[in-house]
C-alpha atoms as a PDB file:
ATOM      1  CA  UNK A   1      98.265 119.965  98.420  1.00  0.00           C
ATOM      2  CA  UNK A   2     101.412 118.338  97.080  1.00  0.00           C
ATOM      3  CA  UNK A   3     104.861 119.914  97.240  1.00  0.00           C
ATOM      4  CA  UNK A   4     104.844 120.473  93.462  1.00  0.00           C
ATOM      5  CA  UNK A   5     101.443 122.198  93.596  1.00  0.00           C
ATOM      6  CA  UNK A   6     102.609 124.400  96.457  1.00  0.00           C
ATOM      7  CA  UNK A   7     105.771 125.380  94.576  1.00  0.00           C
ATOM      8  CA  UNK A   8     103.734 126.196  91.456  1.00  0.00           C
ATOM      9  CA  UNK A   9     101.303 128.332  93.485  1.00  0.00           C
ATOM     10  CA  UNK A  10     104.232 130.201  95.118  1.00  0.00           C
ATOM     11  CA  UNK A  11     105.837 130.724  91.711  1.00  0.00           C
ATOM     12  CA  UNK A  12     102.591 132.181  90.309  1.00  0.00           C
ATOM     13  CA  UNK A  13     102.254 134.525  93.277  1.00  0.00           C
ATOM     14  CA  UNK A  14     105.866 135.656  92.849  1.00  0.00           C
ATOM     15  CA  UNK A  15     105.276 136.381  89.158  1.00  0.00           C
ATOM     16  CA  UNK A  16     102.107 138.314  89.948  1.00  0.00           C
ATOM     17  CA  UNK A  17     103.926 140.355  92.610  1.00  0.00           C
ATOM     18  CA  UNK A  18     106.776 141.056  90.188  1.00  0.00           C
ATOM     19  CA  UNK A  19     104.376 142.187  87.451  1.00  0.00           C
ATOM     20  CA  UNK A  20     102.564 144.418  89.937  1.00  0.00           C
ATOM     21  CA  UNK A  21     105.879 145.990  91.039  1.00  0.00           C
ATOM     22  CA  UNK A  22     106.898 146.592  87.416  1.00  0.00           C
ATOM     23  CA  UNK A  23     103.554 148.254  86.735  1.00  0.00           C
ATOM     24  CA  UNK A  24     103.906 150.545  89.757  1.00  0.00           C
ATOM     25  CA  UNK A  25     107.464 151.466  88.774  1.00  0.00           C
ATOM     26  CA  UNK A  26     106.335 152.287  85.226  1.00  0.00           C
ATOM     27  CA  UNK A  27     103.578 154.494  86.590  1.00  0.00           C
ATOM     28  CA  UNK A  28     106.031 156.331  88.862  1.00  0.00           C
ATOM     29  CA  UNK A  29     108.439 156.936  85.962  1.00  0.00           C
ATOM     30  CA  UNK A  30     105.595 158.296  83.814  1.00  0.00           C
ATOM     31  CA  UNK A  31     104.493 160.688  86.563  1.00  0.00           C
ATOM     32  CA  UNK A  32     108.045 161.954  87.083  1.00  0.00           C
ATOM     33  CA  UNK A  33     108.543 162.415  83.325  1.00  0.00           C
ATOM     34  CA  UNK A  34     105.327 164.466  83.080  1.00  0.00           C
ATOM     35  CA  UNK A  35     106.496 166.811  85.814  1.00  0.00           C
ATOM     36  CA  UNK A  36     109.328 167.945  83.564  1.00  0.00           C
ATOM     37  CA  UNK A  37     112.719 169.194  84.616  1.00  0.00           C
ATOM     38  CA  UNK A  38     112.996 170.871  87.971  1.00  0.00           C
ATOM     39  CA  UNK A  39     114.462 174.388  88.125  1.00  0.00           C
ATOM     40  CA  UNK A  40     118.141 174.540  88.952  1.00  0.00           C
ATOM     41  CA  UNK A  41     118.814 176.419  92.188  1.00  0.00           C
ATOM     42  CA  UNK A  42     121.065 179.461  91.962  1.00  0.00           C
ATOM     43  CA  UNK A  43     124.129 180.447  93.950  1.00  0.00           C
ATOM     44  CA  UNK A  44     125.692 183.924  93.957  1.00  0.00           C
ATOM     45  CA  UNK A  45     129.231 183.845  92.573  1.00  0.00           C
ATOM     46  CA  UNK A  46     130.402 185.527  95.776  1.00  0.00           C
ATOM     47  CA  UNK A  47     129.113 182.531  97.779  1.00  0.00           C
ATOM     48  CA  UNK A  48     131.184 179.999  95.821  1.00  0.00           C
ATOM     49  CA  UNK A  49     134.350 178.571  97.353  1.00  0.00           C
ATOM     50  CA  UNK A  50     137.453 180.646  96.593  1.00  0.00           C
ATOM     51  CA  UNK A  51     138.781 177.953  94.247  1.00  0.00           C
ATOM     52  CA  UNK A  52     135.526 178.024  92.250  1.00  0.00           C
ATOM     53  CA  UNK A  53     135.710 181.801  91.851  1.00  0.00           C
ATOM     54  CA  UNK A  54     139.320 181.425  90.654  1.00  0.00           C
ATOM     55  CA  UNK A  55     138.291 178.724  88.152  1.00  0.00           C
ATOM     56  CA  UNK A  56     135.480 180.960  86.900  1.00  0.00           C
ATOM     57  CA  UNK A  57     137.996 183.773  86.342  1.00  0.00           C
ATOM     58  CA  UNK A  58     140.250 181.356  84.403  1.00  0.00           C
ATOM     59  CA  UNK A  59     137.329 180.328  82.187  1.00  0.00           C
ATOM     60  CA  UNK A  60     136.593 183.959  81.387  1.00  0.00           C
ATOM     61  CA  UNK A  61     140.273 184.587  80.539  1.00  0.00           C
ATOM     62  CA  UNK A  62     140.488 181.442  78.423  1.00  0.00           C
ATOM     63  CA  UNK A  63     143.076 179.775  80.675  1.00  0.00           C
ATOM     64  CA  UNK A  64     145.688 178.558  81.203  1.00  0.00           C
ATOM     65  CA  UNK A  65     144.071 175.659  83.051  1.00  0.00           C
ATOM     66  CA  UNK A  66     145.888 173.449  85.548  1.00  0.00           C
ATOM     67  CA  UNK A  67     144.305 170.152  84.421  1.00  0.00           C
ATOM     68  CA  UNK A  68     144.508 168.701  80.937  1.00  0.00           C
ATOM     69  CA  UNK A  69     140.832 167.648  81.144  1.00  0.00           C
ATOM     70  CA  UNK A  70     139.694 171.240  81.633  1.00  0.00           C
ATOM     71  CA  UNK A  71     137.614 172.439  78.695  1.00  0.00           C
ATOM     72  CA  UNK A  72     136.538 168.902  77.765  1.00  0.00           C
ATOM     73  CA  UNK A  73     132.993 168.399  76.514  1.00  0.00           C
ATOM     74  CA  UNK A  74     130.551 167.720  79.345  1.00  0.00           C
ATOM     75  CA  UNK A  75     127.979 165.253  78.032  1.00  0.00           C
ATOM     76  CA  UNK A  76     125.266 165.800  80.688  1.00  0.00           C
ATOM     77  CA  UNK A  77     124.670 162.058  81.142  1.00  0.00           C
ATOM     78  CA  UNK A  78     123.034 162.780  84.483  1.00  0.00           C
ATOM     79  CA  UNK A  79     120.437 165.034  82.755  1.00  0.00           C
ATOM     80  CA  UNK A  80     120.751 167.574  85.568  1.00  0.00           C
ATOM     81  CA  UNK A  81     121.305 170.501  83.178  1.00  0.00           C
ATOM     82  CA  UNK A  82     119.001 171.664  80.363  1.00  0.00           C
ATOM     83  CA  UNK A  83     119.246 169.420  77.298  1.00  0.00           C
ATOM     84  CA  UNK A  84     121.534 170.904  74.639  1.00  0.00           C
ATOM     85  CA  UNK A  85     123.423 169.598  71.640  1.00  0.00           C
ATOM     86  CA  UNK A  86     126.673 167.712  72.176  1.00  0.00           C
ATOM     87  CA  UNK A  87     129.562 170.109  72.677  1.00  0.00           C
ATOM     88  CA  UNK A  88     127.431 172.876  74.189  1.00  0.00           C
ATOM     89  CA  UNK A  89     128.740 172.300  77.722  1.00  0.00           C
ATOM     90  CA  UNK A  90     132.398 172.300  78.819  1.00  0.00           C
ATOM     91  CA  UNK A  91     133.677 171.219  82.223  1.00  0.00           C
ATOM     92  CA  UNK A  92     136.432 172.684  84.383  1.00  0.00           C
ATOM     93  CA  UNK A  93     138.030 171.392  87.565  1.00  0.00           C
ATOM     94  CA  UNK A  94     137.602 173.320  90.786  1.00  0.00           C
ATOM     95  CA  UNK A  95     140.534 172.238  92.979  1.00  0.00           C
ATOM     96  CA  UNK A  96     139.551 170.624  96.267  1.00  0.00           C
ATOM     97  CA  UNK A  97     141.960 171.355  99.122  1.00  0.00           C
ATOM     98  CA  UNK A  98     143.456 168.142 100.480  1.00  0.00           C
ATOM     99  CA  UNK A  99     142.341 165.999  97.530  1.00  0.00           C
ATOM    100  CA  UNK A 100     145.004 163.812  95.921  1.00  0.00           C
ATOM    101  CA  UNK A 101     143.192 163.862  92.580  1.00  0.00           C
ATOM    102  CA  UNK A 102     140.913 166.342  90.781  1.00  0.00           C
ATOM    103  CA  UNK A 103     138.314 166.003  93.511  1.00  0.00           C
ATOM    104  CA  UNK A 104     134.527 166.228  93.035  1.00  0.00           C
ATOM    105  CA  UNK A 105     134.099 169.936  92.352  1.00  0.00           C
ATOM    106  CA  UNK A 106     133.511 171.317  88.841  1.00  0.00           C
ATOM    107  CA  UNK A 107     132.195 174.280  86.952  1.00  0.00           C
ATOM    108  CA  UNK A 108     130.284 173.405  83.813  1.00  0.00           C
ATOM    109  CA  UNK A 109     130.028 176.248  81.310  1.00  0.00           C
ATOM    110  CA  UNK A 110     127.391 176.502  78.601  1.00  0.00           C
ATOM    111  CA  UNK A 111     128.157 178.134  75.265  1.00  0.00           C
ATOM    112  CA  UNK A 112     125.125 180.427  75.571  1.00  0.00           C
ATOM    113  CA  UNK A 113     123.948 182.654  72.723  1.00  0.00           C
ATOM    114  CA  UNK A 114     127.500 183.890  72.132  1.00  0.00           C
ATOM    115  CA  UNK A 115     128.774 180.362  71.499  1.00  0.00           C
ATOM    116  CA  UNK A 116     131.758 181.145  73.737  1.00  0.00           C
ATOM    117  CA  UNK A 117     131.991 179.864  77.316  1.00  0.00           C
ATOM    118  CA  UNK A 118     134.213 182.847  78.191  1.00  0.00           C
ATOM    119  CA  UNK A 119     131.384 185.315  77.628  1.00  0.00           C
ATOM    120  CA  UNK A 120     128.209 183.222  77.835  1.00  0.00           C
ATOM    121  CA  UNK A 121     127.411 183.943  81.477  1.00  0.00           C
ATOM    122  CA  UNK A 122     126.022 180.414  81.746  1.00  0.00           C
ATOM    123  CA  UNK A 123     127.916 178.652  84.522  1.00  0.00           C
ATOM    124  CA  UNK A 124     126.938 175.816  86.828  1.00  0.00           C
ATOM    125  CA  UNK A 125     128.732 174.674  89.974  1.00  0.00           C
ATOM    126  CA  UNK A 126     128.745 171.140  91.380  1.00  0.00           C
ATOM    127  CA  UNK A 127     130.481 170.231  94.586  1.00  0.00           C
ATOM    128  CA  UNK A 128     129.481 166.561  94.458  1.00  0.00           C
ATOM    129  CA  UNK A 129     130.711 165.343  91.060  1.00  0.00           C
ATOM    130  CA  UNK A 130     127.587 166.073  88.985  1.00  0.00           C
ATOM    131  CA  UNK A 131     124.928 164.766  91.415  1.00  0.00           C
ATOM    132  CA  UNK A 132     123.592 168.278  91.954  1.00  0.00           C
ATOM    133  CA  UNK A 133     124.149 171.621  90.260  1.00  0.00           C
ATOM    134  CA  UNK A 134     123.558 175.254  91.114  1.00  0.00           C
ATOM    135  CA  UNK A 135     123.519 177.949  88.462  1.00  0.00           C
ATOM    136  CA  UNK A 136     126.063 180.662  89.205  1.00  0.00           C
ATOM    137  CA  UNK A 137     124.450 184.087  89.459  1.00  0.00           C
ATOM    138  CA  UNK A 138     126.932 186.875  88.835  1.00  0.00           C
END
């Protein structure tokens, strides 16, 4: 077998392996999509860090908030929270002791049936900058 024939055979095998991998990945994505969203674990409000409980109290009072970004629309790009229309969720900083910036902790508040994050009772806590959420149970 010549060098050119060997290279062509290797190239064909690589393409076949790539197509097989793409097919398996597509199948895995389809299976995950069919499973639907996983339930969000809950955390009692009393079990939240002190700073999170203070932020929750500020949300319910309507402020004043220490960070200008507080109250900004949370767009749920990570798709960790239930899908809602744009503007439904608002995010608030939970100060992280020792952090030199806003840190990774947030409370995301949903507008709920009332349309008001202060009274909705729909609050989610993340301590890892939106990778995971826990619904706050009051």
